[in-house]
Structure formats: structure tokens, C-alpha cells
Amino acid sequence: MKNPIRLACLECDTQEGDGIREIPATWREVIEIQSLEAALAEVPADDKQRSVMEWYTHLGLCPQCQKEDN
């Protein structure tokens, strides 16, 4: 079984893509940022290189933000 994808939008904070199995065709400009293991790894409070806000494996542009850009 393929690992779940944690897809986040570049422009908004939607979580509709967290835990999906494939990237929806309606999302655009999706790129892989990090592995699932890296996304799930604990980030110590004093870590200056990583942020707890980097929970995603992939980044792209969700359908709602695409509409707003037009």
C-alpha cells in the first residue's frame, strides 16, 4: 500500500489534502517537498532548521485558490 500524501496549499491553510492516497486532478503545480517520515518527525522547539508548520509531504495550489487568482 502506498503511503498517504499530506498535501497542503501554497496560499491557504486547507487540510482537505491531508492523508489522501493520490493527488486530485483539480490541484495544480503540485511538487513533493519531503517524505512522509520527515513530515511526521518530531521537531524540537529549539530546531532553527525546521518548523512544526511543515507538516506536508507535497505543496500545490488548491482549486479554491486557483479560482481566487483568476
N, C-alpha and C. Protein backbone atom coordinates (compact mmCIF):
# COMPACT_ATOMS: atom_id res chain seq x y z
N MET A 1 0.84 -1.19 0.00
CA MET A 1 0.00 0.00 0.00
C MET A 1 0.88 1.25 0.00
N LYS A 2 0.52 2.18 -0.82
CA LYS A 2 1.25 3.44 -0.94
C LYS A 2 1.03 4.30 0.31
N ASN A 3 2.09 5.01 0.73
CA ASN A 3 1.97 5.92 1.87
C ASN A 3 0.99 7.03 1.57
N PRO A 4 0.29 7.50 2.60
CA PRO A 4 -0.62 8.63 2.39
C PRO A 4 0.16 9.90 2.02
N ILE A 5 -0.51 10.76 1.30
CA ILE A 5 0.05 12.05 0.89
C ILE A 5 -0.51 13.10 1.83
N ARG A 6 0.33 14.01 2.24
CA ARG A 6 -0.11 15.13 3.08
C ARG A 6 0.05 16.38 2.21
N LEU A 7 -1.00 16.72 1.49
CA LEU A 7 -0.98 17.80 0.50
C LEU A 7 -1.48 19.10 1.11
N ALA A 8 -0.64 20.13 1.04
CA ALA A 8 -1.01 21.45 1.55
C ALA A 8 -1.03 22.45 0.40
N CYS A 9 -1.83 23.50 0.57
CA CYS A 9 -1.93 24.56 -0.44
C CYS A 9 -0.88 25.63 -0.17
N LEU A 10 -0.32 26.16 -1.23
CA LEU A 10 0.68 27.23 -1.14
C LEU A 10 0.09 28.53 -0.61
N GLU A 11 -1.22 28.73 -0.79
CA GLU A 11 -1.82 30.02 -0.46
C GLU A 11 -2.81 30.03 0.70
N CYS A 12 -3.35 28.89 1.06
CA CYS A 12 -4.31 28.87 2.17
C CYS A 12 -3.97 27.75 3.14
N ASP A 13 -4.74 27.61 4.19
CA ASP A 13 -4.43 26.60 5.19
C ASP A 13 -5.42 25.43 5.19
N THR A 14 -5.97 25.11 4.01
CA THR A 14 -6.88 23.97 3.91
C THR A 14 -6.16 22.68 4.31
N GLN A 15 -6.89 21.79 4.95
CA GLN A 15 -6.35 20.49 5.32
C GLN A 15 -7.08 19.37 4.58
N GLU A 16 -7.80 19.71 3.52
CA GLU A 16 -8.57 18.71 2.78
C GLU A 16 -7.67 17.68 2.11
N GLY A 17 -6.38 18.00 1.90
CA GLY A 17 -5.47 17.07 1.25
C GLY A 17 -4.61 16.27 2.20
N ASP A 18 -4.90 16.31 3.48
CA ASP A 18 -4.10 15.58 4.46
C ASP A 18 -4.57 14.13 4.55
N GLY A 19 -3.67 13.19 4.24
CA GLY A 19 -3.98 11.78 4.35
C GLY A 19 -4.60 11.15 3.12
N ILE A 20 -4.51 11.81 1.97
CA ILE A 20 -5.08 11.27 0.74
C ILE A 20 -4.14 10.22 0.12
N ARG A 21 -4.64 9.43 -0.79
CA ARG A 21 -3.84 8.37 -1.44
C ARG A 21 -3.32 8.77 -2.82
N GLU A 22 -3.97 9.75 -3.45
CA GLU A 22 -3.48 10.26 -4.74
C GLU A 22 -3.80 11.74 -4.85
N ILE A 23 -3.01 12.42 -5.64
CA ILE A 23 -3.19 13.87 -5.80
C ILE A 23 -4.39 14.14 -6.71
N PRO A 24 -5.35 14.91 -6.24
CA PRO A 24 -6.53 15.21 -7.05
C PRO A 24 -6.16 15.97 -8.33
N ALA A 25 -6.85 15.66 -9.40
CA ALA A 25 -6.59 16.31 -10.69
C ALA A 25 -6.90 17.80 -10.66
N THR A 26 -7.70 18.23 -9.69
CA THR A 26 -8.09 19.64 -9.60
C THR A 26 -7.01 20.53 -8.98
N TRP A 27 -6.01 19.93 -8.35
CA TRP A 27 -4.90 20.70 -7.78
C TRP A 27 -3.87 20.96 -8.87
N ARG A 28 -3.19 22.09 -8.79
CA ARG A 28 -2.19 22.49 -9.80
C ARG A 28 -0.84 22.73 -9.15
N GLU A 29 0.20 22.62 -9.96
CA GLU A 29 1.57 22.95 -9.57
C GLU A 29 2.03 22.18 -8.32
N VAL A 30 1.64 20.92 -8.21
CA VAL A 30 1.98 20.11 -7.03
C VAL A 30 3.40 19.57 -7.15
N ILE A 31 4.17 19.76 -6.08
CA ILE A 31 5.53 19.23 -6.02
C ILE A 31 5.72 18.50 -4.69
N GLU A 32 6.57 17.48 -4.71
CA GLU A 32 6.90 16.77 -3.49
C GLU A 32 7.97 17.55 -2.74
N ILE A 33 7.77 17.76 -1.45
CA ILE A 33 8.68 18.54 -0.63
C ILE A 33 9.53 17.65 0.26
N GLN A 34 8.91 16.65 0.87
CA GLN A 34 9.63 15.77 1.78
C GLN A 34 8.90 14.44 1.90
N SER A 35 9.58 13.45 2.46
CA SER A 35 8.98 12.14 2.66
C SER A 35 7.94 12.18 3.78
N LEU A 36 7.12 11.16 3.84
CA LEU A 36 6.14 11.06 4.91
C LEU A 36 6.86 10.96 6.26
N GLU A 37 7.93 10.21 6.30
CA GLU A 37 8.68 10.06 7.55
C GLU A 37 9.20 11.42 8.04
N ALA A 38 9.72 12.22 7.14
CA ALA A 38 10.21 13.56 7.51
C ALA A 38 9.07 14.46 7.97
N ALA A 39 7.93 14.36 7.29
CA ALA A 39 6.78 15.19 7.65
C ALA A 39 6.23 14.84 9.03
N LEU A 40 6.36 13.57 9.42
CA LEU A 40 5.83 13.11 10.70
C LEU A 40 6.85 13.21 11.84
N ALA A 41 8.10 13.47 11.51
CA ALA A 41 9.15 13.54 12.53
C ALA A 41 8.91 14.70 13.50
N GLU A 42 9.18 14.44 14.76
CA GLU A 42 9.04 15.48 15.79
C GLU A 42 10.07 16.58 15.55
N VAL A 43 9.65 17.82 15.71
CA VAL A 43 10.54 18.97 15.55
C VAL A 43 10.78 19.57 16.94
N PRO A 44 12.02 19.48 17.42
CA PRO A 44 12.31 20.08 18.74
C PRO A 44 12.07 21.59 18.72
N ALA A 45 11.69 22.13 19.86
CA ALA A 45 11.39 23.56 19.96
C ALA A 45 12.58 24.45 19.61
N ASP A 46 13.80 23.96 19.82
CA ASP A 46 14.99 24.77 19.55
C ASP A 46 15.58 24.53 18.16
N ASP A 47 14.89 23.77 17.31
CA ASP A 47 15.38 23.49 15.96
C ASP A 47 15.18 24.72 15.07
N LYS A 48 16.26 25.30 14.61
CA LYS A 48 16.21 26.51 13.77
C LYS A 48 16.09 26.18 12.27
N GLN A 49 16.21 24.91 11.91
CA GLN A 49 16.17 24.50 10.51
C GLN A 49 14.78 24.06 10.05
N ARG A 50 13.96 23.56 10.97
CA ARG A 50 12.64 23.04 10.62
C ARG A 50 11.56 23.73 11.43
N SER A 51 10.33 23.61 10.96
CA SER A 51 9.18 24.20 11.64
C SER A 51 8.08 23.15 11.79
N VAL A 52 7.35 23.21 12.88
CA VAL A 52 6.21 22.31 13.06
C VAL A 52 5.12 22.60 12.03
N MET A 53 5.19 23.75 11.39
CA MET A 53 4.21 24.11 10.37
C MET A 53 4.47 23.38 9.05
N GLU A 54 5.58 22.68 8.92
CA GLU A 54 5.92 21.94 7.70
C GLU A 54 5.44 20.49 7.83
N TRP A 55 4.12 20.31 7.99
CA TRP A 55 3.51 19.01 8.22
C TRP A 55 3.26 18.24 6.91
N TYR A 56 3.41 18.87 5.79
CA TYR A 56 3.03 18.33 4.48
C TYR A 56 4.16 17.54 3.81
N THR A 57 3.76 16.68 2.87
CA THR A 57 4.72 15.99 2.01
C THR A 57 4.76 16.65 0.63
N HIS A 58 3.65 17.26 0.24
CA HIS A 58 3.52 17.89 -1.07
C HIS A 58 2.89 19.28 -0.92
N LEU A 59 3.26 20.18 -1.80
CA LEU A 59 2.65 21.52 -1.86
C LEU A 59 2.10 21.74 -3.25
N GLY A 60 0.98 22.45 -3.32
CA GLY A 60 0.37 22.77 -4.60
C GLY A 60 -0.63 23.90 -4.42
N LEU A 61 -1.42 24.11 -5.43
CA LEU A 61 -2.43 25.17 -5.42
C LEU A 61 -3.81 24.51 -5.48
N CYS A 62 -4.60 24.70 -4.42
CA CYS A 62 -5.91 24.07 -4.33
C CYS A 62 -6.90 24.72 -5.30
N PRO A 63 -8.01 24.04 -5.60
CA PRO A 63 -8.99 24.58 -6.54
C PRO A 63 -9.55 25.94 -6.11
N GLN A 64 -9.81 26.14 -4.82
CA GLN A 64 -10.37 27.41 -4.35
C GLN A 64 -9.40 28.56 -4.60
N CYS A 65 -8.13 28.36 -4.31
CA CYS A 65 -7.15 29.44 -4.53
C CYS A 65 -6.92 29.69 -6.01
N GLN A 66 -7.07 28.67 -6.84
CA GLN A 66 -6.98 28.87 -8.28
C GLN A 66 -8.09 29.81 -8.75
N LYS A 67 -9.30 29.64 -8.21
CA LYS A 67 -10.44 30.49 -8.58
C LYS A 67 -10.18 31.93 -8.16
N GLU A 68 -9.63 32.10 -6.97
CA GLU A 68 -9.37 33.44 -6.45
C GLU A 68 -8.29 34.16 -7.24
N ASP A 69 -7.37 33.41 -7.83
CA ASP A 69 -6.30 34.01 -8.62
C ASP A 69 -6.78 34.51 -9.99
N ASN A 70 -7.91 33.95 -10.45
CA ASN A 70 -8.42 34.33 -11.78
C ASN A 70 -9.21 35.61 -11.76
